[in-house]
PDB file of N, CA and C in Angstrom:
ATOM      1  N   SER A   1       0.840  -1.188   0.000  1.00  0.00           N
ATOM      2  CA  SER A   1       0.000   0.000   0.000  1.00  0.00           C
ATOM      3  C   SER A   1       0.880   1.244   0.000  1.00  0.00           C
ATOM      4  N   TYR A   2       0.253   2.340  -0.303  1.00  0.00           N
ATOM      5  CA  TYR A   2       0.943   3.627  -0.316  1.00  0.00           C
ATOM      6  C   TYR A   2       0.270   4.511   0.718  1.00  0.00           C
ATOM      7  N   GLY A   3       1.028   5.229   1.504  1.00  0.00           N
ATOM      8  CA  GLY A   3       0.460   6.083   2.533  1.00  0.00           C
ATOM      9  C   GLY A   3       0.088   5.264   3.760  1.00  0.00           C
ATOM     10  N   ALA A   4      -0.455   5.934   4.727  1.00  0.00           N
ATOM     11  CA  ALA A   4      -0.842   5.247   5.958  1.00  0.00           C
ATOM     12  C   ALA A   4      -2.166   5.795   6.464  1.00  0.00           C
ATOM     13  N   GLY A   5      -3.050   4.899   6.849  1.00  0.00           N
ATOM     14  CA  GLY A   5      -4.295   5.306   7.464  1.00  0.00           C
ATOM     15  C   GLY A   5      -5.452   5.592   6.524  1.00  0.00           C
ATOM     16  N   ALA A   6      -5.187   5.641   5.235  1.00  0.00           N
ATOM     17  CA  ALA A   6      -6.259   5.909   4.288  1.00  0.00           C
ATOM     18  C   ALA A   6      -6.026   5.095   3.020  1.00  0.00           C
ATOM     19  N   LEU A   7      -7.021   4.382   2.596  1.00  0.00           N
ATOM     20  CA  LEU A   7      -6.928   3.587   1.377  1.00  0.00           C
ATOM     21  C   LEU A   7      -6.792   4.479   0.148  1.00  0.00           C
ATOM     22  N   ASN A   8      -7.317   5.687   0.214  1.00  0.00           N
ATOM     23  CA  ASN A   8      -7.292   6.584  -0.941  1.00  0.00           C
ATOM     24  C   ASN A   8      -5.880   6.850  -1.454  1.00  0.00           C
ATOM     25  N   ASP A   9      -4.896   6.892  -0.586  1.00  0.00           N
ATOM     26  CA  ASP A   9      -3.517   7.109  -1.036  1.00  0.00           C
ATOM     27  C   ASP A   9      -3.092   6.020  -2.018  1.00  0.00           C
ATOM     28  N   THR A  10      -3.423   4.789  -1.692  1.00  0.00           N
ATOM     29  CA  THR A  10      -3.096   3.662  -2.563  1.00  0.00           C
ATOM     30  C   THR A  10      -3.892   3.733  -3.859  1.00  0.00           C
ATOM     31  N   LEU A  11      -5.146   4.134  -3.775  1.00  0.00           N
ATOM     32  CA  LEU A  11      -5.985   4.210  -4.970  1.00  0.00           C
ATOM     33  C   LEU A  11      -5.493   5.296  -5.922  1.00  0.00           C
ATOM     34  N   TYR A  12      -5.091   6.432  -5.375  1.00  0.00           N
ATOM     35  CA  TYR A  12      -4.525   7.496  -6.215  1.00  0.00           C
ATOM     36  C   TYR A  12      -3.227   7.025  -6.874  1.00  0.00           C
ATOM     37  N   ALA A  13      -2.414   6.288  -6.148  1.00  0.00           N
ATOM     38  CA  ALA A  13      -1.157   5.779  -6.705  1.00  0.00           C
ATOM     39  C   ALA A  13      -1.424   4.826  -7.866  1.00  0.00           C
ATOM     40  N   LEU A  14      -2.418   3.962  -7.721  1.00  0.00           N
ATOM     41  CA  LEU A  14      -2.752   3.042  -8.814  1.00  0.00           C
ATOM     42  C   LEU A  14      -3.225   3.800 -10.050  1.00  0.00           C
ATOM     43  N   GLN A  15      -4.030   4.812  -9.844  1.00  0.00           N
ATOM     44  CA  GLN A  15      -4.498   5.595 -10.987  1.00  0.00           C
ATOM     45  C   GLN A  15      -3.346   6.348 -11.641  1.00  0.00           C
ATOM     46  N   ALA A  16      -2.438   6.866 -10.863  1.00  0.00           N
ATOM     47  CA  ALA A  16      -1.285   7.572 -11.413  1.00  0.00           C
ATOM     48  C   ALA A  16      -0.417   6.628 -12.242  1.00  0.00           C
ATOM     49  N   MET A  17      -0.249   5.410 -11.774  1.00  0.00           N
ATOM     50  CA  MET A  17       0.536   4.435 -12.532  1.00  0.00           C
ATOM     51  C   MET A  17      -0.097   4.175 -13.892  1.00  0.00           C
ATOM     52  N   ALA A  18      -1.413   4.059 -13.918  1.00  0.00           N
ATOM     53  CA  ALA A  18      -2.113   3.837 -15.189  1.00  0.00           C
ATOM     54  C   ALA A  18      -1.925   5.023 -16.126  1.00  0.00           C
ATOM     55  N   ILE A  19      -1.971   6.230 -15.586  1.00  0.00           N
ATOM     56  CA  ILE A  19      -1.828   7.435 -16.408  1.00  0.00           C
ATOM     57  C   ILE A  19      -0.464   7.505 -17.070  1.00  0.00           C
ATOM     58  N   VAL A  20       0.575   7.118 -16.337  1.00  0.00           N
ATOM     59  CA  VAL A  20       1.931   7.188 -16.894  1.00  0.00           C
ATOM     60  C   VAL A  20       2.348   5.894 -17.595  1.00  0.00           C
ATOM     61  N   GLY A  21       1.427   4.943 -17.683  1.00  0.00           N
ATOM     62  CA  GLY A  21       1.697   3.722 -18.426  1.00  0.00           C
ATOM     63  C   GLY A  21       2.484   2.661 -17.694  1.00  0.00           C
ATOM     64  N   ARG A  22       2.501   2.730 -16.384  1.00  0.00           N
ATOM     65  CA  ARG A  22       3.202   1.710 -15.588  1.00  0.00           C
ATOM     66  C   ARG A  22       2.200   0.675 -15.112  1.00  0.00           C
ATOM     67  N   PRO A  23       2.569  -0.593 -15.113  1.00  0.00           N
ATOM     68  CA  PRO A  23       1.649  -1.619 -14.617  1.00  0.00           C
ATOM     69  C   PRO A  23       1.483  -1.525 -13.098  1.00  0.00           C
ATOM     70  N   ALA A  24       0.302  -1.849 -12.658  1.00  0.00           N
ATOM     71  CA  ALA A  24       0.034  -1.850 -11.223  1.00  0.00           C
ATOM     72  C   ALA A  24       0.688  -3.074 -10.591  1.00  0.00           C
ATOM     73  N   PRO A  25       1.381  -2.908  -9.479  1.00  0.00           N
ATOM     74  CA  PRO A  25       1.959  -4.068  -8.799  1.00  0.00           C
ATOM     75  C   PRO A  25       0.865  -5.037  -8.352  1.00  0.00           C
ATOM     76  N   ALA A  26       1.076  -6.304  -8.594  1.00  0.00           N
ATOM     77  CA  ALA A  26       0.078  -7.322  -8.246  1.00  0.00           C
ATOM     78  C   ALA A  26      -0.258  -7.290  -6.754  1.00  0.00           C
ATOM     79  N   ALA A  27       0.725  -7.044  -5.914  1.00  0.00           N
ATOM     80  CA  ALA A  27       0.475  -7.004  -4.467  1.00  0.00           C
ATOM     81  C   ALA A  27      -0.421  -5.827  -4.092  1.00  0.00           C
ATOM     82  N   THR A  28      -0.293  -4.722  -4.807  1.00  0.00           N
ATOM     83  CA  THR A  28      -1.130  -3.552  -4.523  1.00  0.00           C
ATOM     84  C   THR A  28      -2.556  -3.811  -4.958  1.00  0.00           C
ATOM     85  N   VAL A  29      -2.728  -4.430  -6.102  1.00  0.00           N
ATOM     86  CA  VAL A  29      -4.079  -4.780  -6.565  1.00  0.00           C
ATOM     87  C   VAL A  29      -4.720  -5.760  -5.584  1.00  0.00           C
ATOM     88  N   ALA A  30      -3.965  -6.738  -5.126  1.00  0.00           N
ATOM     89  CA  ALA A  30      -4.483  -7.701  -4.145  1.00  0.00           C
ATOM     90  C   ALA A  30      -4.857  -7.007  -2.841  1.00  0.00           C
ATOM     91  N   TYR A  31      -4.062  -6.036  -2.431  1.00  0.00           N
ATOM     92  CA  TYR A  31      -4.353  -5.266  -1.218  1.00  0.00           C
ATOM     93  C   TYR A  31      -5.693  -4.543  -1.350  1.00  0.00           C
ATOM     94  N   VAL A  32      -5.915  -3.905  -2.487  1.00  0.00           N
ATOM     95  CA  VAL A  32      -7.175  -3.174  -2.700  1.00  0.00           C
ATOM     96  C   VAL A  32      -8.346  -4.145  -2.739  1.00  0.00           C
ATOM     97  N   ARG A  33      -8.205  -5.229  -3.454  1.00  0.00           N
ATOM     98  CA  ARG A  33      -9.291  -6.218  -3.513  1.00  0.00           C
ATOM     99  C   ARG A  33      -9.571  -6.810  -2.137  1.00  0.00           C
ATOM    100  N   GLY A  34      -8.533  -7.002  -1.358  1.00  0.00           N
ATOM    101  CA  GLY A  34      -8.706  -7.547  -0.009  1.00  0.00           C
ATOM    102  C   GLY A  34      -9.368  -6.585   0.958  1.00  0.00           C
ATOM    103  N   ALA A  35      -9.368  -5.302   0.622  1.00  0.00           N
ATOM    104  CA  ALA A  35      -9.991  -4.292   1.482  1.00  0.00           C
ATOM    105  C   ALA A  35     -11.484  -4.131   1.205  1.00  0.00           C
ATOM    106  N   GLN A  36     -11.991  -4.826   0.189  1.00  0.00           N
ATOM    107  CA  GLN A  36     -13.412  -4.704  -0.137  1.00  0.00           C
ATOM    108  C   GLN A  36     -14.258  -5.352   0.955  1.00  0.00           C
ATOM    109  N   GLN A  37     -15.299  -4.660   1.358  1.00  0.00           N
ATOM    110  CA  GLN A  37     -16.190  -5.158   2.404  1.00  0.00           C
ATOM    111  C   GLN A  37     -17.228  -6.109   1.813  1.00  0.00           C
ATOM    112  N   ALA A  38     -17.894  -6.858   2.669  1.00  0.00           N
ATOM    113  CA  ALA A  38     -18.903  -7.819   2.226  1.00  0.00           C
ATOM    114  C   ALA A  38     -20.034  -7.144   1.450  1.00  0.00           C
ATOM    115  N   SER A  39     -20.279  -5.879   1.722  1.00  0.00           N
ATOM    116  CA  SER A  39     -21.340  -5.141   1.032  1.00  0.00           C
ATOM    117  C   SER A  39     -20.966  -4.808  -0.409  1.00  0.00           C
ATOM    118  N   GLY A  40     -19.665  -4.958  -0.739  1.00  0.00           N
ATOM    119  CA  GLY A  40     -19.193  -4.641  -2.067  1.00  0.00           C
ATOM    120  C   GLY A  40     -18.456  -3.324  -2.140  1.00  0.00           C
ATOM    121  N   GLY A  41     -18.525  -2.515  -1.094  1.00  0.00           N
ATOM    122  CA  GLY A  41     -17.868  -1.216  -1.082  1.00  0.00           C
ATOM    123  C   GLY A  41     -16.558  -1.236  -0.327  1.00  0.00           C
ATOM    124  N   TRP A  42     -15.920  -0.071  -0.285  1.00  0.00           N
ATOM    125  CA  TRP A  42     -14.657   0.109   0.427  1.00  0.00           C
ATOM    126  C   TRP A  42     -14.819   1.239   1.428  1.00  0.00           C
ATOM    127  N   SER A  43     -14.200   1.100   2.590  1.00  0.00           N
ATOM    128  CA  SER A  43     -14.231   2.169   3.586  1.00  0.00           C
ATOM    129  C   SER A  43     -13.006   3.054   3.418  1.00  0.00           C
ATOM    130  N   TYR A  44     -13.068   4.248   3.973  1.00  0.00           N
ATOM    131  CA  TYR A  44     -11.975   5.209   3.859  1.00  0.00           C
ATOM    132  C   TYR A  44     -10.668   4.642   4.388  1.00  0.00           C
ATOM    133  N   ASP A  45     -10.750   3.905   5.495  1.00  0.00           N
ATOM    134  CA  ASP A  45      -9.529   3.375   6.109  1.00  0.00           C
ATOM    135  C   ASP A  45      -9.104   2.022   5.540  1.00  0.00           C
ATOM    136  N   GLY A  46      -9.897   1.473   4.626  1.00  0.00           N
ATOM    137  CA  GLY A  46      -9.548   0.208   3.992  1.00  0.00           C
ATOM    138  C   GLY A  46      -9.797  -1.020   4.838  1.00  0.00           C
ATOM    139  N   ALA A  47     -10.616  -0.896   5.868  1.00  0.00           N
ATOM    140  CA  ALA A  47     -10.910  -2.032   6.741  1.00  0.00           C
ATOM    141  C   ALA A  47     -11.944  -2.949   6.065  1.00  0.00           C
ATOM    142  N   PRO A  48     -11.579  -4.188   5.764  1.00  0.00           N
ATOM    143  CA  PRO A  48     -12.503  -5.086   5.082  1.00  0.00           C
ATOM    144  C   PRO A  48     -13.623  -5.605   5.971  1.00  0.00           C
ATOM    145  N   THR A  49     -13.488  -5.478   7.278  1.00  0.00           N
ATOM    146  CA  THR A  49     -14.491  -6.012   8.186  1.00  0.00           C
ATOM    147  C   THR A  49     -15.514  -4.969   8.628  1.00  0.00           C
ATOM    148  N   GLY A  50     -15.367  -3.756   8.194  1.00  0.00           N
ATOM    149  CA  GLY A  50     -16.291  -2.704   8.602  1.00  0.00           C
ATOM    150  C   GLY A  50     -17.648  -2.834   7.942  1.00  0.00           C
ATOM    151  N   THR A  51     -18.540  -1.997   8.365  1.00  0.00           N
ATOM    152  CA  THR A  51     -19.892  -2.005   7.795  1.00  0.00           C
ATOM    153  C   THR A  51     -20.252  -0.650   7.215  1.00  0.00           C
ATOM    154  N   GLY A  52     -19.286   0.235   7.107  1.00  0.00           N
ATOM    155  CA  GLY A  52     -19.579   1.575   6.624  1.00  0.00           C
ATOM    156  C   GLY A  52     -18.797   1.932   5.376  1.00  0.00           C
ATOM    157  N   PRO A  53     -19.198   1.408   4.216  1.00  0.00           N
ATOM    158  CA  PRO A  53     -18.457   1.789   3.020  1.00  0.00           C
ATOM    159  C   PRO A  53     -18.618   3.279   2.722  1.00  0.00           C
ATOM    160  N   ASP A  54     -17.581   3.839   2.147  1.00  0.00           N
ATOM    161  CA  ASP A  54     -17.572   5.253   1.796  1.00  0.00           C
ATOM    162  C   ASP A  54     -17.769   5.357   0.285  1.00  0.00           C
ATOM    163  N   VAL A  55     -18.736   6.161  -0.139  1.00  0.00           N
ATOM    164  CA  VAL A  55     -19.069   6.244  -1.566  1.00  0.00           C
ATOM    165  C   VAL A  55     -17.897   6.779  -2.391  1.00  0.00           C
ATOM    166  N   ASP A  56     -17.173   7.757  -1.882  1.00  0.00           N
ATOM    167  CA  ASP A  56     -16.044   8.316  -2.636  1.00  0.00           C
ATOM    168  C   ASP A  56     -14.904   7.305  -2.761  1.00  0.00           C
ATOM    169  N   THR A  57     -14.601   6.617  -1.678  1.00  0.00           N
ATOM    170  CA  THR A  57     -13.533   5.616  -1.709  1.00  0.00           C
ATOM    171  C   THR A  57     -13.936   4.444  -2.596  1.00  0.00           C
ATOM    172  N   THR A  58     -15.191   4.048  -2.539  1.00  0.00           N
ATOM    173  CA  THR A  58     -15.671   2.960  -3.392  1.00  0.00           C
ATOM    174  C   THR A  58     -15.545   3.336  -4.870  1.00  0.00           C
ATOM    175  N   ALA A  59     -15.933   4.548  -5.209  1.00  0.00           N
ATOM    176  CA  ALA A  59     -15.816   4.997  -6.597  1.00  0.00           C
ATOM    177  C   ALA A  59     -14.357   5.022  -7.035  1.00  0.00           C
ATOM    178  N   ARG A  60     -13.482   5.506  -6.182  1.00  0.00           N
ATOM    179  CA  ARG A  60     -12.057   5.574  -6.503  1.00  0.00           C
ATOM    180  C   ARG A  60     -11.484   4.164  -6.658  1.00  0.00           C
ATOM    181  N   ALA A  61     -11.920   3.223  -5.824  1.00  0.00           N
ATOM    182  CA  ALA A  61     -11.430   1.835  -5.911  1.00  0.00           C
ATOM    183  C   ALA A  61     -11.851   1.195  -7.236  1.00  0.00           C
ATOM    184  N   VAL A  62     -13.072   1.419  -7.625  1.00  0.00           N
ATOM    185  CA  VAL A  62     -13.549   0.872  -8.902  1.00  0.00           C
ATOM    186  C   VAL A  62     -12.746   1.470 -10.054  1.00  0.00           C
ATOM    187  N   GLN A  63     -12.513   2.767 -10.017  1.00  0.00           N
ATOM    188  CA  GLN A  63     -11.728   3.418 -11.067  1.00  0.00           C
ATOM    189  C   GLN A  63     -10.303   2.885 -11.103  1.00  0.00           C
ATOM    190  N   ALA A  64      -9.701   2.721  -9.932  1.00  0.00           N
ATOM    191  CA  ALA A  64      -8.322   2.251  -9.870  1.00  0.00           C
ATOM    192  C   ALA A  64      -8.200   0.812 -10.372  1.00  0.00           C
ATOM    193  N   LEU A  65      -9.159  -0.034 -10.013  1.00  0.00           N
ATOM    194  CA  LEU A  65      -9.096  -1.430 -10.453  1.00  0.00           C
ATOM    195  C   LEU A  65      -9.432  -1.592 -11.926  1.00  0.00           C
ATOM    196  N   ALA A  66     -10.211  -0.672 -12.465  1.00  0.00           N
ATOM    197  CA  ALA A  66     -10.589  -0.741 -13.879  1.00  0.00           C
ATOM    198  C   ALA A  66      -9.578  -0.069 -14.804  1.00  0.00           C
ATOM    199  N   ALA A  67      -8.646   0.665 -14.224  1.00  0.00           N
ATOM    200  CA  ALA A  67      -7.652   1.375 -15.041  1.00  0.00           C
ATOM    201  C   ALA A  67      -6.796   0.359 -15.794  1.00  0.00           C
ATOM    202  N   PRO A  68      -6.475   0.664 -17.037  1.00  0.00           N
ATOM    203  CA  PRO A  68      -5.681  -0.286 -17.836  1.00  0.00           C
ATOM    204  C   PRO A  68      -4.274  -0.465 -17.305  1.00  0.00           C
TER     205      PRO A  68
END
């Protein structure tokens, strides 16, 4: 992951890598996928066991995972 305490730092890093044409590290993609909650969303802090997904973080996670 990139940064500490917020999943968004990692999500921004993944999007930046896509913009500059660098492949996303497999471990980082696995980290993001592992942070997904049972509801299908992601929380701001990246806790997979929480019950409060954040709409902005969820949108950013989908964008980061869908980036080429």
